[in-house]
Amino acid sequence: MTALVLRGVKVFKGHLSSEQQVDLLDAIRAVARAAPFCRPVTPGGRQMSVRMTSAGAFGWVTDRTGYRYERRHPQGMDWPPIPDPVRAIWDELAPGARAPECCLVNYYGEGARMGLHQDRDEADFAQPVVSVSLGDAGLFRIGNVEKGGRTESVWLESGDAVVLGGAARLVHHGVDRIRFGSSSLLPDGGRINLTLRVVT
C-alpha cells in the first residue's frame, strides 16, 4: 500500500473499491438504525454542523458537560458492535495495534464542517486513529501538534482512508468544507466519515 504522507499523516487514496464502499455504507446504515444520528452540542453551547453516532464499546459524545466517551447512546441504548467490514480496515491499516473500541460516525450534510481539533480524549496515544471517507469529497486540513502555524490540505474522496499515528497522532486536523453532490454513493448527497479509535 502506497500512502501520500502529509505532516506524518498517511493518506491512502482510493483504498476501498466501489463494492467495498457499498458494503460499508450498508453496515453503517445498520449502525444508525440501532443508534440514531444526533446533532451534538459543544460544552460552550454551540450546535455542531455534523450529525454523529458511534459503534463499539464506547461512543464519543459532547454536550454542555464536556467532550468524553460514554458506553451508551444519549437516548440510553448500548452502542452496536463495530461492523466486521469496518474492523477489517483497521486490521489492514493498523497492524499490531490494539483492537478499536470506538467507531465514531460523522455525517456531513451540505454546509457542514469540522474545525481544527486534536483527538486527545483517549488514554493511549501510542494507538493510531484510522479514518475512512464515504460519499462527497471533503477538504481535509492538517496542522501541527501545537496550535497555529502552517497547514496543508487534501481532498478526501469516497473510499480514501487516513491514519494518524506516531508523531502525527496528535496533529490538529479538520474538514473545511465538503463538495456537496460530488459522489453518487449517498442518494441524497453528503459525506460520511468513520473514525476508529482505541479509547482505554
Protein backbone atom coordinates (compact mmCIF):
# COMPACT_ATOMS: atom_id res chain seq x y z
CA MET A 1 0.00 0.00 0.00
CA THR A 2 1.35 3.38 -1.00
CA ALA A 3 0.36 6.38 1.07
CA LEU A 4 0.53 10.11 0.50
CA VAL A 5 2.23 11.46 3.63
CA LEU A 6 1.38 14.99 4.80
CA ARG A 7 2.96 16.13 8.09
CA GLY A 8 3.28 12.50 9.11
CA VAL A 9 -0.38 11.74 8.36
CA LYS A 10 -0.79 8.85 5.94
CA VAL A 11 -3.47 9.27 3.28
CA PHE A 12 -4.43 6.16 1.30
CA LYS A 13 -6.19 7.41 -1.82
CA GLY A 14 -8.78 5.05 -3.33
CA HIS A 15 -8.23 2.47 -0.62
CA LEU A 16 -11.71 0.98 -0.91
CA SER A 17 -13.27 -0.34 -4.11
CA SER A 18 -16.76 0.74 -5.16
CA GLU A 19 -18.12 -2.61 -3.94
CA GLN A 20 -16.41 -2.22 -0.58
CA GLN A 21 -17.86 1.27 -0.21
CA VAL A 22 -21.40 -0.01 -0.82
CA ASP A 23 -20.91 -2.83 1.70
CA LEU A 24 -19.52 -0.37 4.24
CA LEU A 25 -22.44 2.00 3.73
CA ASP A 26 -24.91 -0.84 4.31
CA ALA A 27 -23.11 -1.68 7.56
CA ILE A 28 -23.22 1.95 8.71
CA ARG A 29 -26.93 2.19 7.94
CA ALA A 30 -27.45 -0.78 10.28
CA VAL A 31 -25.45 1.05 12.96
CA ALA A 32 -27.63 4.15 12.52
CA ARG A 33 -30.81 2.09 12.84
CA ALA A 34 -29.59 0.74 16.19
CA ALA A 35 -28.12 4.05 17.40
CA PRO A 36 -29.70 7.00 15.57
CA PHE A 37 -27.69 10.01 14.46
CA CYS A 38 -27.92 13.06 16.71
CA ARG A 39 -26.65 16.61 16.38
CA PRO A 40 -24.41 17.25 19.41
CA VAL A 41 -23.79 20.46 21.30
CA THR A 42 -20.34 21.64 22.40
CA PRO A 43 -19.60 22.48 26.05
CA GLY A 44 -19.93 26.13 25.04
CA GLY A 45 -23.49 25.54 23.85
CA ARG A 46 -22.82 25.63 20.09
CA GLN A 47 -24.67 23.06 17.99
CA MET A 48 -22.25 21.21 15.72
CA SER A 49 -22.95 21.15 11.99
CA VAL A 50 -22.30 17.40 11.70
CA ARG A 51 -24.55 14.63 12.93
CA MET A 52 -22.98 11.78 14.90
CA THR A 53 -23.43 8.23 16.08
CA SER A 54 -20.99 5.50 17.12
CA ALA A 55 -20.35 1.77 17.20
CA GLY A 56 -18.24 -0.26 19.61
CA ALA A 57 -17.82 -0.49 23.37
CA PHE A 58 -17.75 3.31 23.59
CA GLY A 59 -19.24 6.23 21.71
CA TRP A 60 -17.80 9.74 21.60
CA VAL A 61 -20.25 12.38 22.78
CA THR A 62 -20.29 16.07 23.54
CA ASP A 63 -22.75 18.21 25.45
CA ARG A 64 -22.63 21.09 27.93
CA THR A 65 -20.80 18.88 30.45
CA GLY A 66 -17.85 18.22 28.13
CA TYR A 67 -16.24 16.03 25.50
CA ARG A 68 -15.98 12.37 26.50
CA TYR A 69 -16.62 8.72 25.73
CA GLU A 70 -19.75 7.01 27.01
CA ARG A 71 -20.85 3.38 26.97
CA ARG A 72 -24.40 4.31 25.96
CA HIS A 73 -26.07 6.42 23.30
CA PRO A 74 -27.60 9.68 24.60
CA GLN A 75 -31.02 8.03 24.18
CA GLY A 76 -29.94 5.24 26.55
CA MET A 77 -29.28 2.23 24.33
CA ASP A 78 -25.95 0.41 24.04
CA TRP A 79 -23.84 1.23 21.01
CA PRO A 80 -23.97 -1.53 18.37
CA PRO A 81 -20.80 -3.55 17.66
CA ILE A 82 -18.25 -2.26 15.18
CA PRO A 83 -19.20 -3.93 11.86
CA ASP A 84 -16.82 -6.55 10.50
CA PRO A 85 -16.04 -4.62 7.26
CA VAL A 86 -15.04 -1.60 9.36
CA ARG A 87 -12.89 -3.67 11.68
CA ALA A 88 -11.16 -5.23 8.64
CA ILE A 89 -9.95 -1.77 7.55
CA TRP A 90 -8.41 -1.20 10.99
CA ASP A 91 -6.68 -4.59 10.89
CA GLU A 92 -5.23 -3.77 7.49
CA LEU A 93 -4.07 -0.21 8.18
CA ALA A 94 -3.13 -0.54 11.86
CA PRO A 95 -1.42 -3.93 12.15
CA GLY A 96 -0.19 -4.63 15.65
CA ALA A 97 -2.45 -2.03 17.24
CA ARG A 98 -4.94 -2.91 19.95
CA ALA A 99 -8.50 -3.62 18.85
CA PRO A 100 -10.57 -0.48 18.23
CA GLU A 101 -13.11 0.32 20.93
CA CYS A 102 -14.99 3.10 19.16
CA CYS A 103 -16.05 3.84 15.61
CA LEU A 104 -17.32 7.41 15.52
CA VAL A 105 -19.62 8.03 12.54
CA ASN A 106 -19.97 11.65 11.38
CA TYR A 107 -22.42 12.72 8.68
CA TYR A 108 -21.65 15.97 6.86
CA GLY A 109 -24.61 17.48 5.07
CA GLU A 110 -24.44 20.49 2.77
CA GLY A 111 -22.52 23.28 4.52
CA ALA A 112 -21.22 21.11 7.36
CA ARG A 113 -17.61 21.37 8.51
CA MET A 114 -15.32 20.38 11.37
CA GLY A 115 -12.91 22.90 12.89
CA LEU A 116 -9.28 22.11 13.59
CA HIS A 117 -9.01 19.85 16.63
CA GLN A 118 -6.95 17.08 18.20
CA ASP A 119 -8.17 13.58 19.01
CA ARG A 120 -7.00 13.56 22.62
CA ASP A 121 -9.86 12.16 24.69
CA GLU A 122 -8.25 8.69 24.52
CA ALA A 123 -5.98 7.16 27.18
CA ASP A 124 -3.25 5.67 24.96
CA PHE A 125 -1.77 7.96 22.32
CA ALA A 126 0.51 5.13 21.18
CA GLN A 127 -2.55 3.71 19.40
CA PRO A 128 -3.34 5.21 15.98
CA VAL A 129 -6.54 6.76 14.68
CA VAL A 130 -7.89 5.36 11.40
CA SER A 131 -10.38 7.35 9.35
CA VAL A 132 -12.45 6.36 6.28
CA SER A 133 -14.35 8.66 3.92
CA LEU A 134 -17.59 7.74 2.13
CA GLY A 135 -19.67 9.90 -0.20
CA ASP A 136 -18.94 13.50 -1.12
CA ALA A 137 -15.37 14.80 -1.11
CA GLY A 138 -14.21 16.72 1.94
CA LEU A 139 -11.33 19.22 2.15
CA PHE A 140 -9.19 17.77 4.95
CA ARG A 141 -6.82 20.22 6.64
CA ILE A 142 -3.78 19.08 8.61
CA GLY A 143 -1.97 21.35 11.03
CA ASN A 144 0.59 20.80 13.76
CA VAL A 145 0.67 19.23 17.20
CA GLU A 146 0.86 22.73 18.66
CA LYS A 147 -1.82 25.27 17.77
CA GLY A 148 -1.13 27.64 14.91
CA GLY A 149 1.43 27.56 12.13
CA ARG A 150 1.18 26.48 8.52
CA THR A 151 -1.35 23.87 7.44
CA GLU A 152 -1.74 21.60 4.42
CA SER A 153 -4.95 20.39 2.80
CA VAL A 154 -6.02 17.46 0.66
CA TRP A 155 -9.39 16.50 -0.81
CA LEU A 156 -10.57 13.20 0.68
CA GLU A 157 -12.83 11.34 -1.72
CA SER A 158 -15.09 8.35 -1.24
CA GLY A 159 -13.02 5.28 -0.44
CA ASP A 160 -9.97 7.18 0.87
CA ALA A 161 -8.51 6.24 4.26
CA VAL A 162 -6.28 8.18 6.66
CA VAL A 163 -4.02 7.05 9.51
CA LEU A 164 -2.87 9.40 12.29
CA GLY A 165 -0.15 7.64 14.24
CA GLY A 166 3.29 8.01 15.75
CA ALA A 167 4.48 11.61 15.83
CA ALA A 168 1.36 12.63 13.88
CA ARG A 169 -1.10 11.08 16.33
CA LEU A 170 -1.96 14.44 17.94
CA VAL A 171 -1.79 16.79 14.97
CA HIS A 172 -4.63 19.27 14.64
CA HIS A 173 -6.93 18.37 11.76
CA GLY A 174 -10.36 19.25 10.44
CA VAL A 175 -12.68 19.43 7.43
CA ASP A 176 -13.10 22.91 5.98
CA ARG A 177 -15.96 22.04 3.62
CA ILE A 178 -17.45 19.31 1.52
CA ARG A 179 -18.05 19.30 -2.21
CA PHE A 180 -21.75 18.54 -1.93
CA GLY A 181 -23.08 16.30 -4.69
CA SER A 182 -19.64 15.19 -5.86
CA SER A 183 -20.37 11.50 -5.19
CA SER A 184 -23.32 9.28 -6.09
CA LEU A 185 -22.75 6.88 -3.17
CA LEU A 186 -25.27 8.60 -0.87
CA PRO A 187 -28.51 9.15 -2.82
CA ASP A 188 -29.27 12.43 -1.02
CA GLY A 189 -25.66 13.63 -1.02
CA GLY A 190 -23.35 14.32 1.89
CA ARG A 191 -20.26 12.75 3.38
CA ILE A 192 -19.84 10.04 5.99
CA ASN A 193 -16.60 9.80 7.93
CA LEU A 194 -15.73 6.82 10.11
CA THR A 195 -13.07 7.32 12.78
CA LEU A 196 -11.73 4.24 14.57
CA ARG A 197 -10.02 4.70 17.93
CA VAL A 198 -8.71 2.82 20.95
CA VAL A 199 -10.30 4.52 23.96
CA THR A 200 -8.83 2.97 27.13
